[in-house]
């Protein structure tokens, strides 16, 4: 139990930067929808309402996940991004990029009325970030966690989502920034710093399974030497 607890604590350190990603992700259903209310949703044959745009993320995810499996993951592997943690790091940068785009769109909205479909790029890039973070981290958590601790680790992963929503509530509630465009840029900047720190943690992380394998290997070798 002591060894398994040490393994869990070692993995949980990597979860510390994740709430900020969820703070950005959750704004698809809040800030970005408010952004949509200031845009034109007329398609001639159909009018898109702002709250209907919440369907974009799950629809894009259904389309993009198969493309990741058969096209994008092999490309990332050739670029040297093979591990789940490396993919998650890239996903964080995509999230920051999505908020830079949303800030640019907000700037244009303040000048003229844009069509609501201009929101698609930021939703698409955020979906890429979501897939690169959520799926690889679930794989990583299940692989690294001891058998008796898998549900505990998944619970902590869900806790990062709750803290992400809390971050948004605090920033929005206190109205730290009056300009929506500047708020988007601040979130993008914080995400860049946050995911860069995550990348440093990833470089320093050693898989506990590998450590255990090394210990077992050394123990066997020492036993054989002693026996001889």
Protein backbone atom coordinates (compact mmCIF):
# COMPACT_ATOMS: atom_id res chain seq x y z
CA UNK A 1 0.00 0.00 0.00
CA UNK A 2 2.86 2.38 0.80
CA UNK A 3 4.56 1.74 -2.54
CA UNK A 4 1.30 2.11 -4.43
CA UNK A 5 0.59 5.41 -2.66
CA UNK A 6 4.04 6.68 -3.67
CA UNK A 7 3.31 5.76 -7.28
CA UNK A 8 -0.02 7.61 -7.20
CA UNK A 9 1.53 10.74 -5.68
CA UNK A 10 4.23 10.69 -8.34
CA UNK A 11 1.60 10.59 -11.08
CA UNK A 12 -0.64 13.19 -9.44
CA UNK A 13 2.10 15.79 -9.74
CA UNK A 14 1.47 15.68 -13.50
CA UNK A 15 -2.21 16.45 -12.91
CA UNK A 16 -1.52 19.80 -11.21
CA UNK A 17 -1.46 21.89 -14.44
CA UNK A 18 -4.61 20.27 -15.88
CA UNK A 19 -7.34 22.40 -14.20
CA UNK A 20 -6.38 25.39 -16.36
CA UNK A 21 -7.00 23.38 -19.53
CA UNK A 22 -10.48 22.51 -18.27
CA UNK A 23 -11.03 26.18 -17.42
CA UNK A 24 -10.49 26.96 -21.10
CA UNK A 25 -12.43 23.96 -22.35
CA UNK A 26 -15.55 24.72 -20.28
CA UNK A 27 -15.87 28.16 -21.87
CA UNK A 28 -17.13 26.56 -25.06
CA UNK A 29 -20.52 26.43 -23.31
CA UNK A 30 -20.33 29.87 -21.75
CA UNK A 31 -18.02 32.62 -23.07
CA UNK A 32 -17.96 31.30 -26.62
CA UNK A 33 -21.75 31.02 -26.67
CA UNK A 34 -22.01 34.63 -25.47
CA UNK A 35 -19.66 35.43 -28.33
CA UNK A 36 -22.08 33.70 -30.71
CA UNK A 37 -24.99 35.87 -29.53
CA UNK A 38 -23.29 38.86 -31.15
CA UNK A 39 -22.94 37.10 -34.51
CA UNK A 40 -25.18 36.42 -37.50
CA UNK A 41 -26.44 32.83 -37.68
CA UNK A 42 -28.49 33.13 -40.88
CA UNK A 43 -27.79 30.36 -43.43
CA UNK A 44 -30.68 31.43 -45.73
CA UNK A 45 -32.42 28.06 -45.34
CA UNK A 46 -31.81 27.80 -41.58
CA UNK A 47 -30.82 30.10 -38.72
CA UNK A 48 -28.27 28.81 -36.24
CA UNK A 49 -29.07 29.87 -32.69
CA UNK A 50 -26.13 30.56 -30.34
CA UNK A 51 -26.98 27.76 -27.88
CA UNK A 52 -27.13 25.26 -30.76
CA UNK A 53 -23.42 25.80 -31.32
CA UNK A 54 -22.70 23.65 -28.25
CA UNK A 55 -23.28 20.64 -30.53
CA UNK A 56 -20.22 21.53 -32.59
CA UNK A 57 -17.66 20.10 -30.16
CA UNK A 58 -19.15 16.56 -29.84
CA UNK A 59 -19.81 16.42 -33.59
CA UNK A 60 -16.24 17.42 -34.39
CA UNK A 61 -14.94 14.89 -31.87
CA UNK A 62 -16.86 12.07 -33.58
CA UNK A 63 -15.37 13.09 -36.92
CA UNK A 64 -11.81 13.76 -35.78
CA UNK A 65 -11.14 10.78 -33.46
CA UNK A 66 -10.99 8.24 -36.36
CA UNK A 67 -8.71 10.63 -38.27
CA UNK A 68 -6.38 10.77 -35.28
CA UNK A 69 -6.21 7.01 -35.07
CA UNK A 70 -5.42 6.34 -38.71
CA UNK A 71 -3.72 9.54 -39.90
CA UNK A 72 -2.63 12.05 -37.26
CA UNK A 73 -1.17 9.65 -34.66
CA UNK A 74 1.15 8.01 -37.25
CA UNK A 75 2.28 11.50 -38.34
CA UNK A 76 2.94 12.50 -34.72
CA UNK A 77 4.88 9.27 -34.19
CA UNK A 78 7.16 10.14 -37.12
CA UNK A 79 7.73 13.55 -35.49
CA UNK A 80 8.77 11.84 -32.26
CA UNK A 81 5.54 12.45 -30.32
CA UNK A 82 4.68 8.90 -29.31
CA UNK A 83 3.95 8.86 -25.58
CA UNK A 84 0.57 9.87 -24.09
CA UNK A 85 2.22 12.66 -22.09
CA UNK A 86 3.83 14.16 -25.20
CA UNK A 87 0.47 14.14 -26.96
CA UNK A 88 -1.18 15.79 -23.95
CA UNK A 89 1.46 18.55 -24.00
CA UNK A 90 0.67 19.25 -27.65
CA UNK A 91 -3.03 19.33 -26.80
CA UNK A 92 -2.42 22.11 -24.28
CA UNK A 93 -0.75 24.25 -26.93
CA UNK A 94 -3.76 23.71 -29.20
CA UNK A 95 -6.04 24.95 -26.41
CA UNK A 96 -3.96 28.13 -26.06
CA UNK A 97 -4.09 28.65 -29.83
CA UNK A 98 -7.89 28.28 -29.79
CA UNK A 99 -8.16 31.17 -27.33
CA UNK A 100 -5.83 33.34 -29.38
CA UNK A 101 -8.19 32.80 -32.32
CA UNK A 102 -11.23 33.56 -30.15
CA UNK A 103 -9.58 36.84 -29.10
CA UNK A 104 -9.03 37.77 -32.76
CA UNK A 105 -12.65 36.95 -33.55
CA UNK A 106 -13.81 39.05 -30.59
CA UNK A 107 -11.78 41.97 -31.90
CA UNK A 108 -13.55 41.74 -35.24
CA UNK A 109 -16.97 41.39 -33.63
CA UNK A 110 -16.44 44.70 -31.87
CA UNK A 111 -15.96 46.33 -35.29
CA UNK A 112 -18.60 44.60 -37.41
CA UNK A 113 -21.11 41.76 -37.38
CA UNK A 114 -19.53 38.43 -38.34
CA UNK A 115 -21.19 35.21 -39.36
CA UNK A 116 -21.44 32.61 -36.62
CA UNK A 117 -19.49 30.07 -38.71
CA UNK A 118 -16.36 32.10 -37.99
CA UNK A 119 -16.41 30.35 -34.61
CA UNK A 120 -15.70 26.98 -36.23
CA UNK A 121 -11.86 27.34 -36.28
CA UNK A 122 -11.59 27.90 -32.53
CA UNK A 123 -14.03 25.06 -31.79
CA UNK A 124 -12.12 22.76 -34.13
CA UNK A 125 -8.72 23.52 -32.60
CA UNK A 126 -10.09 23.15 -29.07
CA UNK A 127 -11.50 19.76 -30.07
CA UNK A 128 -8.04 18.73 -31.28
CA UNK A 129 -6.65 19.78 -27.91
CA UNK A 130 -9.37 17.88 -26.07
CA UNK A 131 -8.67 14.64 -27.94
CA UNK A 132 -4.91 14.96 -27.45
CA UNK A 133 -5.33 15.50 -23.71
CA UNK A 134 -8.31 13.43 -22.62
CA UNK A 135 -7.71 10.13 -24.42
CA UNK A 136 -3.91 9.90 -23.92
CA UNK A 137 -4.20 10.87 -20.23
CA UNK A 138 -6.88 8.24 -19.64
CA UNK A 139 -4.54 5.71 -21.25
CA UNK A 140 -1.62 6.99 -19.17
CA UNK A 141 -3.61 6.94 -15.91
CA UNK A 142 -4.87 3.41 -16.46
CA UNK A 143 -1.40 2.14 -17.40
CA UNK A 144 0.56 3.79 -14.58
CA UNK A 145 -1.88 3.27 -11.72
CA UNK A 146 -1.54 0.09 -9.63
CA UNK A 147 -4.53 -2.24 -9.88
CA UNK A 148 -5.91 -1.16 -6.51
CA UNK A 149 -5.54 2.55 -7.32
CA UNK A 150 -6.97 2.88 -10.85
CA UNK A 151 -10.32 4.27 -9.71
CA UNK A 152 -8.56 6.66 -7.30
CA UNK A 153 -6.45 8.11 -10.11
CA UNK A 154 -9.47 8.49 -12.38
CA UNK A 155 -11.27 10.31 -9.55
CA UNK A 156 -8.42 12.81 -9.28
CA UNK A 157 -8.58 13.32 -13.05
CA UNK A 158 -12.25 14.25 -12.71
CA UNK A 159 -11.35 16.53 -9.79
CA UNK A 160 -9.15 18.58 -12.14
CA UNK A 161 -12.28 19.29 -14.21
CA UNK A 162 -14.06 20.62 -11.13
CA UNK A 163 -11.13 22.90 -10.26
CA UNK A 164 -11.10 24.13 -13.87
CA UNK A 165 -14.73 25.23 -13.58
CA UNK A 166 -13.86 26.92 -10.29
CA UNK A 167 -11.11 28.94 -11.98
CA UNK A 168 -13.58 30.26 -14.56
CA UNK A 169 -16.13 31.09 -11.87
CA UNK A 170 -13.59 33.08 -9.86
CA UNK A 171 -12.21 35.04 -12.82
CA UNK A 172 -15.67 35.75 -14.23
CA UNK A 173 -17.21 36.54 -10.85
CA UNK A 174 -14.62 39.11 -9.86
CA UNK A 175 -14.51 40.62 -13.37
CA UNK A 176 -10.75 40.97 -13.26
CA UNK A 177 -10.73 42.03 -16.92
CA UNK A 178 -13.40 44.26 -18.46
CA UNK A 179 -12.58 43.47 -22.09
CA UNK A 180 -13.63 40.02 -23.34
CA UNK A 181 -10.86 40.07 -25.92
CA UNK A 182 -8.22 40.72 -23.26
CA UNK A 183 -9.69 38.00 -21.06
CA UNK A 184 -9.32 35.49 -23.89
CA UNK A 185 -5.70 36.59 -24.39
CA UNK A 186 -4.98 36.25 -20.67
CA UNK A 187 -6.38 32.72 -20.67
CA UNK A 188 -4.25 31.92 -23.72
CA UNK A 189 -1.12 33.28 -22.04
CA UNK A 190 -1.80 31.41 -18.80
CA UNK A 191 -2.35 28.22 -20.79
CA UNK A 192 0.98 28.65 -22.59
CA UNK A 193 2.80 29.04 -19.27
CA UNK A 194 0.84 26.20 -17.70
CA UNK A 195 1.42 23.69 -20.49
CA UNK A 196 5.11 24.63 -20.68
CA UNK A 197 5.42 23.72 -16.98
CA UNK A 198 3.56 20.50 -17.74
CA UNK A 199 6.10 19.77 -20.47
CA UNK A 200 8.94 20.18 -17.97
CA UNK A 201 7.22 17.78 -15.57
CA UNK A 202 6.80 15.29 -18.41
CA UNK A 203 10.54 15.39 -19.18
CA UNK A 204 11.40 14.69 -15.55
CA UNK A 205 8.82 11.95 -15.09
CA UNK A 206 9.96 8.35 -14.93
CA UNK A 207 7.42 5.60 -15.44
CA UNK A 208 6.91 3.70 -12.21
CA UNK A 209 6.47 0.49 -14.17
CA UNK A 210 9.95 0.94 -15.64
CA UNK A 211 11.41 1.66 -12.21
CA UNK A 212 9.82 -1.50 -10.80
CA UNK A 213 11.08 -3.51 -13.79
CA UNK A 214 14.61 -2.16 -13.22
CA UNK A 215 14.46 -3.04 -9.52
CA UNK A 216 13.24 -6.56 -10.29
CA UNK A 217 15.91 -6.99 -12.96
CA UNK A 218 18.67 -5.83 -10.62
CA UNK A 219 17.34 -8.09 -7.87
CA UNK A 220 17.45 -11.11 -10.20
CA UNK A 221 20.97 -10.25 -11.37
CA UNK A 222 22.19 -9.80 -7.79
CA UNK A 223 20.61 -13.09 -6.81
CA UNK A 224 22.32 -14.90 -9.70
CA UNK A 225 25.70 -13.33 -8.85
CA UNK A 226 25.29 -14.32 -5.19
CA UNK A 227 24.32 -17.83 -6.19
CA UNK A 228 27.44 -18.18 -8.33
